[in-house]
Amino acid sequence: PDRIVTGCGSVALAEHLAKATCLPGDEIVYSWRSFEA
């Protein structure tokens, strides 16, 4: 159970992942076009 985190939809959890990993100027890589969020 300590490996599971719930949130307000998977999009909110993606936002929390960004908060937990990134500081201003860090980079997030993704394909485009992909999820607009």
All heavy atoms as atom14 arrays in JSON, in Angstrom:
{
  "sequence": "PDRIVTGCGSVALAEHLAKATCLPGDEIVYSWRSFEA",
  "atom14_mask": [
    [1, 1, 1, 1, 1, 1, 1, 0, 0, 0, 0, 0, 0, 0],
    [1, 1, 1, 1, 1, 1, 1, 1, 0, 0, 0, 0, 0, 0],
    [1, 1, 1, 1, 1, 1, 1, 1, 1, 1, 1, 0, 0, 0],
    [1, 1, 1, 1, 1, 1, 1, 1, 0, 0, 0, 0, 0, 0],
    [1, 1, 1, 1, 1, 1, 1, 0, 0, 0, 0, 0, 0, 0],
    [1, 1, 1, 1, 1, 1, 1, 0, 0, 0, 0, 0, 0, 0],
    [1, 1, 1, 1, 0, 0, 0, 0, 0, 0, 0, 0, 0, 0],
    [1, 1, 1, 1, 1, 1, 0, 0, 0, 0, 0, 0, 0, 0],
    [1, 1, 1, 1, 0, 0, 0, 0, 0, 0, 0, 0, 0, 0],
    [1, 1, 1, 1, 1, 1, 0, 0, 0, 0, 0, 0, 0, 0],
    [1, 1, 1, 1, 1, 1, 1, 0, 0, 0, 0, 0, 0, 0],
    [1, 1, 1, 1, 1, 0, 0, 0, 0, 0, 0, 0, 0, 0],
    [1, 1, 1, 1, 1, 1, 1, 1, 0, 0, 0, 0, 0, 0],
    [1, 1, 1, 1, 1, 0, 0, 0, 0, 0, 0, 0, 0, 0],
    [1, 1, 1, 1, 1, 1, 1, 1, 1, 0, 0, 0, 0, 0],
    [1, 1, 1, 1, 1, 1, 1, 1, 1, 1, 0, 0, 0, 0],
    [1, 1, 1, 1, 1, 1, 1, 1, 0, 0, 0, 0, 0, 0],
    [1, 1, 1, 1, 1, 0, 0, 0, 0, 0, 0, 0, 0, 0],
    [1, 1, 1, 1, 1, 1, 1, 1, 1, 0, 0, 0, 0, 0],
    [1, 1, 1, 1, 1, 0, 0, 0, 0, 0, 0, 0, 0, 0],
    [1, 1, 1, 1, 1, 1, 1, 0, 0, 0, 0, 0, 0, 0],
    [1, 1, 1, 1, 1, 1, 0, 0, 0, 0, 0, 0, 0, 0],
    [1, 1, 1, 1, 1, 1, 1, 1, 0, 0, 0, 0, 0, 0],
    [1, 1, 1, 1, 1, 1, 1, 0, 0, 0, 0, 0, 0, 0],
    [1, 1, 1, 1, 0, 0, 0, 0, 0, 0, 0, 0, 0, 0],
    [1, 1, 1, 1, 1, 1, 1, 1, 0, 0, 0, 0, 0, 0],
    [1, 1, 1, 1, 1, 1, 1, 1, 1, 0, 0, 0, 0, 0],
    [1, 1, 1, 1, 1, 1, 1, 1, 0, 0, 0, 0, 0, 0],
    [1, 1, 1, 1, 1, 1, 1, 0, 0, 0, 0, 0, 0, 0],
    [1, 1, 1, 1, 1, 1, 1, 1, 1, 1, 1, 1, 0, 0],
    [1, 1, 1, 1, 1, 1, 0, 0, 0, 0, 0, 0, 0, 0],
    [1, 1, 1, 1, 1, 1, 1, 1, 1, 1, 1, 1, 1, 1],
    [1, 1, 1, 1, 1, 1, 1, 1, 1, 1, 1, 0, 0, 0],
    [1, 1, 1, 1, 1, 1, 0, 0, 0, 0, 0, 0, 0, 0],
    [1, 1, 1, 1, 1, 1, 1, 1, 1, 1, 1, 0, 0, 0],
    [1, 1, 1, 1, 1, 1, 1, 1, 1, 0, 0, 0, 0, 0],
    [1, 1, 1, 1, 1, 0, 0, 0, 0, 0, 0, 0, 0, 0]
  ],
  "atom14_positions": [
    [[0.8, -1.23, 0.0], [0.0, 0.0, 0.0], [0.83, 1.28, 0.0], [0.35, 2.31, -0.5], [-0.83, -0.12, 1.28], [-0.9, -1.59, 1.55], [0.42, -2.15, 1.09], [0.0, 0.0, 0.0], [0.0, 0.0, 0.0], [0.0, 0.0, 0.0], [0.0, 0.0, 0.0], [0.0, 0.0, 0.0], [0.0, 0.0, 0.0], [0.0, 0.0, 0.0]],
    [[2.05, 1.23, 0.54], [2.85, 2.45, 0.58], [3.38, 2.85, -0.79], [4.0, 3.9, -0.94], [3.99, 2.32, 1.58], [5.01, 1.24, 1.23], [4.73, 0.4, 0.34], [6.08, 1.21, 1.87], [0.0, 0.0, 0.0], [0.0, 0.0, 0.0], [0.0, 0.0, 0.0], [0.0, 0.0, 0.0], [0.0, 0.0, 0.0], [0.0, 0.0, 0.0]],
    [[3.11, 2.04, -1.82], [3.51, 2.39, -3.18], [2.39, 3.1, -3.95], [2.6, 3.52, -5.08], [3.93, 1.13, -3.95], [5.19, 0.46, -3.42], [5.58, -0.72, -4.3], [5.79, -0.28, -5.69], [5.94, -1.13, -6.71], [5.89, -2.44, -6.5], [6.13, -0.66, -7.93], [0.0, 0.0, 0.0], [0.0, 0.0, 0.0], [0.0, 0.0, 0.0]],
    [[1.22, 3.22, -3.34], [0.05, 3.76, -4.04], [-0.28, 5.15, -3.52], [-0.29, 5.4, -2.31], [-1.16, 2.82, -3.88], [-0.87, 1.49, -4.58], [-2.44, 3.45, -4.42], [-1.93, 0.45, -4.39], [0.0, 0.0, 0.0], [0.0, 0.0, 0.0], [0.0, 0.0, 0.0], [0.0, 0.0, 0.0], [0.0, 0.0, 0.0], [0.0, 0.0, 0.0]],
    [[-0.56, 6.05, -4.46], [-1.01, 7.41, -4.13], [-2.28, 7.66, -4.94], [-2.32, 7.36, -6.14], [0.04, 8.48, -4.48], [-0.44, 9.87, -4.05], [1.39, 8.15, -3.84], [0.0, 0.0, 0.0], [0.0, 0.0, 0.0], [0.0, 0.0, 0.0], [0.0, 0.0, 0.0], [0.0, 0.0, 0.0], [0.0, 0.0, 0.0], [0.0, 0.0, 0.0]],
    [[-3.29, 8.2, -4.29], [-4.52, 8.55, -5.0], [-4.63, 10.07, -5.12], [-3.98, 10.81, -4.38], [-5.78, 8.03, -4.28], [-5.93, 8.73, -3.05], [-5.68, 6.53, -4.02], [0.0, 0.0, 0.0], [0.0, 0.0, 0.0], [0.0, 0.0, 0.0], [0.0, 0.0, 0.0], [0.0, 0.0, 0.0], [0.0, 0.0, 0.0], [0.0, 0.0, 0.0]],
    [[-5.45, 10.5, -6.06], [-5.63, 11.93, -6.25], [-6.86, 12.24, -7.07], [-7.61, 11.34, -7.44], [0.0, 0.0, 0.0], [0.0, 0.0, 0.0], [0.0, 0.0, 0.0], [0.0, 0.0, 0.0], [0.0, 0.0, 0.0], [0.0, 0.0, 0.0], [0.0, 0.0, 0.0], [0.0, 0.0, 0.0], [0.0, 0.0, 0.0], [0.0, 0.0, 0.0]],
    [[-7.04, 13.51, -7.38], [-8.23, 13.99, -8.09], [-8.07, 13.74, -9.6], [-7.93, 14.66, -10.4], [-8.42, 15.47, -7.79], [-9.93, 16.17, -8.48], [0.0, 0.0, 0.0], [0.0, 0.0, 0.0], [0.0, 0.0, 0.0], [0.0, 0.0, 0.0], [0.0, 0.0, 0.0], [0.0, 0.0, 0.0], [0.0, 0.0, 0.0], [0.0, 0.0, 0.0]],
    [[-8.07, 12.45, -9.96], [-7.83, 12.05, -11.34], [-6.35, 11.88, -11.61], [-5.49, 12.42, -10.9], [0.0, 0.0, 0.0], [0.0, 0.0, 0.0], [0.0, 0.0, 0.0], [0.0, 0.0, 0.0], [0.0, 0.0, 0.0], [0.0, 0.0, 0.0], [0.0, 0.0, 0.0], [0.0, 0.0, 0.0], [0.0, 0.0, 0.0], [0.0, 0.0, 0.0]],
    [[-6.02, 11.12, -12.65], [-4.61, 10.9, -12.97], [-3.93, 12.19, -13.42], [-2.72, 12.36, -13.23], [-4.47, 9.82, -14.04], [-5.19, 10.15, -15.2], [0.0, 0.0, 0.0], [0.0, 0.0, 0.0], [0.0, 0.0, 0.0], [0.0, 0.0, 0.0], [0.0, 0.0, 0.0], [0.0, 0.0, 0.0], [0.0, 0.0, 0.0], [0.0, 0.0, 0.0]],
    [[-4.7, 13.14, -13.98], [-4.08, 14.4, -14.4], [-3.58, 15.19, -13.2], [-2.51, 15.81, -13.25], [-5.08, 15.24, -15.24], [-6.3, 15.64, -14.43], [-4.4, 16.48, -15.78], [0.0, 0.0, 0.0], [0.0, 0.0, 0.0], [0.0, 0.0, 0.0], [0.0, 0.0, 0.0], [0.0, 0.0, 0.0], [0.0, 0.0, 0.0], [0.0, 0.0, 0.0]],
    [[-4.3, 15.16, -12.09], [-3.83, 15.84, -10.88], [-2.57, 15.18, -10.35], [-1.65, 15.85, -9.88], [-4.92, 15.82, -9.81], [0.0, 0.0, 0.0], [0.0, 0.0, 0.0], [0.0, 0.0, 0.0], [0.0, 0.0, 0.0], [0.0, 0.0, 0.0], [0.0, 0.0, 0.0], [0.0, 0.0, 0.0], [0.0, 0.0, 0.0], [0.0, 0.0, 0.0]],
    [[-2.52, 13.86, -10.44], [-1.32, 13.16, -9.99], [-0.12, 13.47, -10.88], [1.01, 13.58, -10.38], [-1.58, 11.66, -9.95], [-2.54, 11.23, -8.82], [-3.0, 9.79, -9.01], [-1.86, 11.39, -7.44], [0.0, 0.0, 0.0], [0.0, 0.0, 0.0], [0.0, 0.0, 0.0], [0.0, 0.0, 0.0], [0.0, 0.0, 0.0], [0.0, 0.0, 0.0]],
    [[-0.34, 13.66, -12.18], [0.75, 14.08, -13.06], [1.27, 15.46, -12.63], [2.48, 15.72, -12.64], [0.28, 14.11, -14.51], [0.0, 0.0, 0.0], [0.0, 0.0, 0.0], [0.0, 0.0, 0.0], [0.0, 0.0, 0.0], [0.0, 0.0, 0.0], [0.0, 0.0, 0.0], [0.0, 0.0, 0.0], [0.0, 0.0, 0.0], [0.0, 0.0, 0.0]],
    [[0.35, 16.32, -12.24], [0.75, 17.64, -11.75], [1.57, 17.52, -10.46], [2.59, 18.21, -10.3], [-0.5, 18.49, -11.51], [-0.22, 19.91, -11.08], [-1.49, 20.73, -10.92], [-2.59, 20.15, -10.98], [-1.38, 21.94, -10.73], [0.0, 0.0, 0.0], [0.0, 0.0, 0.0], [0.0, 0.0, 0.0], [0.0, 0.0, 0.0], [0.0, 0.0, 0.0]],
    [[1.14, 16.64, -9.57], [1.89, 16.45, -8.33], [3.26, 15.84, -8.59], [4.24, 16.17, -7.9], [1.09, 15.57, -7.37], [-0.22, 16.17, -6.95], [-0.36, 17.49, -6.62], [-1.45, 15.6, -6.78], [-1.62, 17.73, -6.29], [-2.29, 16.6, -6.38], [0.0, 0.0, 0.0], [0.0, 0.0, 0.0], [0.0, 0.0, 0.0], [0.0, 0.0, 0.0]],
    [[3.35, 14.96, -9.6], [4.64, 14.4, -9.97], [5.59, 15.51, -10.44], [6.78, 15.5, -10.1], [4.47, 13.36, -11.08], [4.04, 11.97, -10.62], [3.41, 11.2, -11.77], [5.25, 11.22, -10.07], [0.0, 0.0, 0.0], [0.0, 0.0, 0.0], [0.0, 0.0, 0.0], [0.0, 0.0, 0.0], [0.0, 0.0, 0.0], [0.0, 0.0, 0.0]],
    [[5.07, 16.45, -11.21], [5.9, 17.57, -11.66], [6.36, 18.4, -10.47], [7.53, 18.82, -10.4], [5.13, 18.43, -12.66], [0.0, 0.0, 0.0], [0.0, 0.0, 0.0], [0.0, 0.0, 0.0], [0.0, 0.0, 0.0], [0.0, 0.0, 0.0], [0.0, 0.0, 0.0], [0.0, 0.0, 0.0], [0.0, 0.0, 0.0], [0.0, 0.0, 0.0]],
    [[5.46, 18.64, -9.53], [5.84, 19.4, -8.33], [6.91, 18.69, -7.52], [7.79, 19.33, -6.93], [4.61, 19.63, -7.44], [3.59, 20.61, -7.98], [2.44, 20.74, -6.98], [1.39, 21.71, -7.46], [0.24, 21.81, -6.51], [0.0, 0.0, 0.0], [0.0, 0.0, 0.0], [0.0, 0.0, 0.0], [0.0, 0.0, 0.0], [0.0, 0.0, 0.0]],
    [[6.81, 17.37, -7.46], [7.73, 16.59, -6.64], [9.1, 16.4, -7.29], [10.05, 16.0, -6.6], [7.11, 15.22, -6.33], [0.0, 0.0, 0.0], [0.0, 0.0, 0.0], [0.0, 0.0, 0.0], [0.0, 0.0, 0.0], [0.0, 0.0, 0.0], [0.0, 0.0, 0.0], [0.0, 0.0, 0.0], [0.0, 0.0, 0.0], [0.0, 0.0, 0.0]],
    [[9.22, 16.67, -8.59], [10.48, 16.4, -9.28], [11.16, 17.63, -9.85], [12.38, 17.63, -10.02], [10.26, 15.4, -10.45], [9.26, 15.93, -11.34], [9.81, 14.04, -9.93], [0.0, 0.0, 0.0], [0.0, 0.0, 0.0], [0.0, 0.0, 0.0], [0.0, 0.0, 0.0], [0.0, 0.0, 0.0], [0.0, 0.0, 0.0], [0.0, 0.0, 0.0]],
    [[10.39, 18.67, -10.18], [10.94, 19.78, -10.97], [11.03, 21.08, -10.2], [10.12, 21.44, -9.43], [10.08, 20.01, -12.2], [10.13, 18.68, -13.41], [0.0, 0.0, 0.0], [0.0, 0.0, 0.0], [0.0, 0.0, 0.0], [0.0, 0.0, 0.0], [0.0, 0.0, 0.0], [0.0, 0.0, 0.0], [0.0, 0.0, 0.0], [0.0, 0.0, 0.0]],
    [[12.12, 21.8, -10.45], [12.28, 23.19, -10.05], [12.28, 24.05, -11.32], [12.47, 23.51, -12.42], [13.58, 23.38, -9.28], [13.65, 22.69, -7.91], [15.06, 22.75, -7.35], [12.66, 23.34, -6.94], [0.0, 0.0, 0.0], [0.0, 0.0, 0.0], [0.0, 0.0, 0.0], [0.0, 0.0, 0.0], [0.0, 0.0, 0.0], [0.0, 0.0, 0.0]],
    [[12.05, 25.35, -11.2], [12.07, 26.19, -12.39], [13.35, 26.0, -13.2], [14.45, 25.99, -12.65], [11.98, 27.61, -11.82], [11.19, 27.42, -10.55], [11.67, 26.11, -9.99], [0.0, 0.0, 0.0], [0.0, 0.0, 0.0], [0.0, 0.0, 0.0], [0.0, 0.0, 0.0], [0.0, 0.0, 0.0], [0.0, 0.0, 0.0], [0.0, 0.0, 0.0]],
    [[13.16, 25.81, -14.51], [14.29, 25.59, -15.4], [14.58, 24.13, -15.69], [15.3, 23.82, -16.65], [0.0, 0.0, 0.0], [0.0, 0.0, 0.0], [0.0, 0.0, 0.0], [0.0, 0.0, 0.0], [0.0, 0.0, 0.0], [0.0, 0.0, 0.0], [0.0, 0.0, 0.0], [0.0, 0.0, 0.0], [0.0, 0.0, 0.0], [0.0, 0.0, 0.0]],
    [[14.04, 23.23, -14.89], [14.16, 21.81, -15.21], [13.3, 21.47, -16.42], [12.44, 22.26, -16.83], [13.74, 20.95, -14.0], [14.75, 20.98, -12.87], [15.92, 21.32, -13.14], [14.37, 20.67, -11.72], [0.0, 0.0, 0.0], [0.0, 0.0, 0.0], [0.0, 0.0, 0.0], [0.0, 0.0, 0.0], [0.0, 0.0, 0.0], [0.0, 0.0, 0.0]],
    [[13.52, 20.29, -16.98], [12.85, 19.92, -18.22], [11.92, 18.72, -18.05], [12.24, 17.78, -17.29], [13.88, 19.59, -19.31], [14.72, 20.78, -19.72], [15.85, 20.4, -20.66], [16.09, 19.19, -20.86], [16.5, 21.33, -21.19], [0.0, 0.0, 0.0], [0.0, 0.0, 0.0], [0.0, 0.0, 0.0], [0.0, 0.0, 0.0], [0.0, 0.0, 0.0]],
    [[10.79, 18.77, -18.76], [9.87, 17.64, -18.84], [9.74, 17.28, -20.31], [9.4, 18.12, -21.15], [8.49, 17.99, -18.25], [8.62, 18.34, -16.76], [7.51, 16.84, -18.45], [7.3, 18.74, -16.1], [0.0, 0.0, 0.0], [0.0, 0.0, 0.0], [0.0, 0.0, 0.0], [0.0, 0.0, 0.0], [0.0, 0.0, 0.0], [0.0, 0.0, 0.0]],
    [[10.03, 16.03, -20.63], [10.01, 15.55, -22.01], [8.72, 14.77, -22.26], [8.33, 13.93, -21.44], [11.23, 14.64, -22.3], [11.13, 14.01, -23.69], [12.53, 15.43, -22.16], [0.0, 0.0, 0.0], [0.0, 0.0, 0.0], [0.0, 0.0, 0.0], [0.0, 0.0, 0.0], [0.0, 0.0, 0.0], [0.0, 0.0, 0.0], [0.0, 0.0, 0.0]],
    [[8.07, 15.06, -23.37], [6.88, 14.29, -23.75], [6.69, 14.35, -25.25], [7.25, 15.21, -25.95], [5.63, 14.79, -23.03], [5.35, 16.27, -23.12], [4.63, 16.79, -24.18], [5.82, 17.15, -22.13], [4.36, 18.15, -24.26], [5.56, 18.51, -22.21], [4.84, 19.01, -23.27], [4.58, 20.35, -23.36], [0.0, 0.0, 0.0], [0.0, 0.0, 0.0]],
    [[5.91, 13.41, -25.77], [5.59, 13.38, -27.19], [4.54, 14.45, -27.5], [3.78, 14.86, -26.62], [5.05, 12.0, -27.55], [4.93, 11.83, -28.95], [0.0, 0.0, 0.0], [0.0, 0.0, 0.0], [0.0, 0.0, 0.0], [0.0, 0.0, 0.0], [0.0, 0.0, 0.0], [0.0, 0.0, 0.0], [0.0, 0.0, 0.0], [0.0, 0.0, 0.0]],
    [[4.51, 14.87, -28.78], [3.51, 15.87, -29.16], [3.09, 15.65, -30.61], [3.92, 15.54, -31.46], [4.06, 17.28, -28.98], [2.95, 18.29, -28.98], [2.63, 19.16, -29.99], [1.98, 18.51, -27.94], [1.53, 19.93, -29.64], [1.11, 19.54, -28.38], [1.75, 17.94, -26.68], [0.04, 20.01, -27.62], [0.71, 18.39, -25.92], [-0.14, 19.42, -26.39]],
    [[1.79, 15.43, -30.82], [0.76, 15.78, -29.88], [0.47, 14.62, -28.93], [0.38, 13.47, -29.33], [-0.53, 16.19, -30.61], [-1.67, 16.53, -29.67], [-2.85, 17.11, -30.4], [-2.61, 18.49, -30.77], [-2.83, 19.51, -29.95], [-3.29, 19.29, -28.72], [-2.59, 20.73, -30.33], [0.0, 0.0, 0.0], [0.0, 0.0, 0.0], [0.0, 0.0, 0.0]],
    [[0.31, 14.99, -27.63], [-0.12, 14.04, -26.62], [-1.14, 14.74, -25.74], [-1.8, 15.68, -26.19], [1.08, 13.51, -25.83], [0.74, 12.4, -25.03], [0.0, 0.0, 0.0], [0.0, 0.0, 0.0], [0.0, 0.0, 0.0], [0.0, 0.0, 0.0], [0.0, 0.0, 0.0], [0.0, 0.0, 0.0], [0.0, 0.0, 0.0], [0.0, 0.0, 0.0]],
    [[-1.27, 14.33, -24.5], [-2.31, 14.86, -23.63], [-2.13, 16.36, -23.45], [-1.06, 16.84, -23.08], [-2.26, 14.14, -22.29], [-3.34, 14.53, -21.31], [-4.6, 14.92, -21.74], [-3.1, 14.46, -19.96], [-5.6, 15.26, -20.84], [-4.09, 14.78, -19.04], [-5.33, 15.19, -19.48], [0.0, 0.0, 0.0], [0.0, 0.0, 0.0], [0.0, 0.0, 0.0]],
    [[-3.2, 17.11, -23.72], [-3.1, 18.56, -23.75], [-2.79, 19.18, -22.39], [-2.42, 20.36, -22.31], [-4.38, 19.18, -24.31], [-5.61, 18.94, -23.47], [-6.86, 19.54, -24.13], [-6.86, 20.74, -24.44], [-7.82, 18.79, -24.32], [0.0, 0.0, 0.0], [0.0, 0.0, 0.0], [0.0, 0.0, 0.0], [0.0, 0.0, 0.0], [0.0, 0.0, 0.0]],
    [[-2.91, 18.43, -21.3], [-2.58, 18.97, -19.98], [-1.06, 19.01, -19.73], [-0.62, 19.73, -18.85], [-3.25, 18.14, -18.88], [0.0, 0.0, 0.0], [0.0, 0.0, 0.0], [0.0, 0.0, 0.0], [0.0, 0.0, 0.0], [0.0, 0.0, 0.0], [0.0, 0.0, 0.0], [0.0, 0.0, 0.0], [0.0, 0.0, 0.0], [0.0, 0.0, 0.0]]
  ]
}
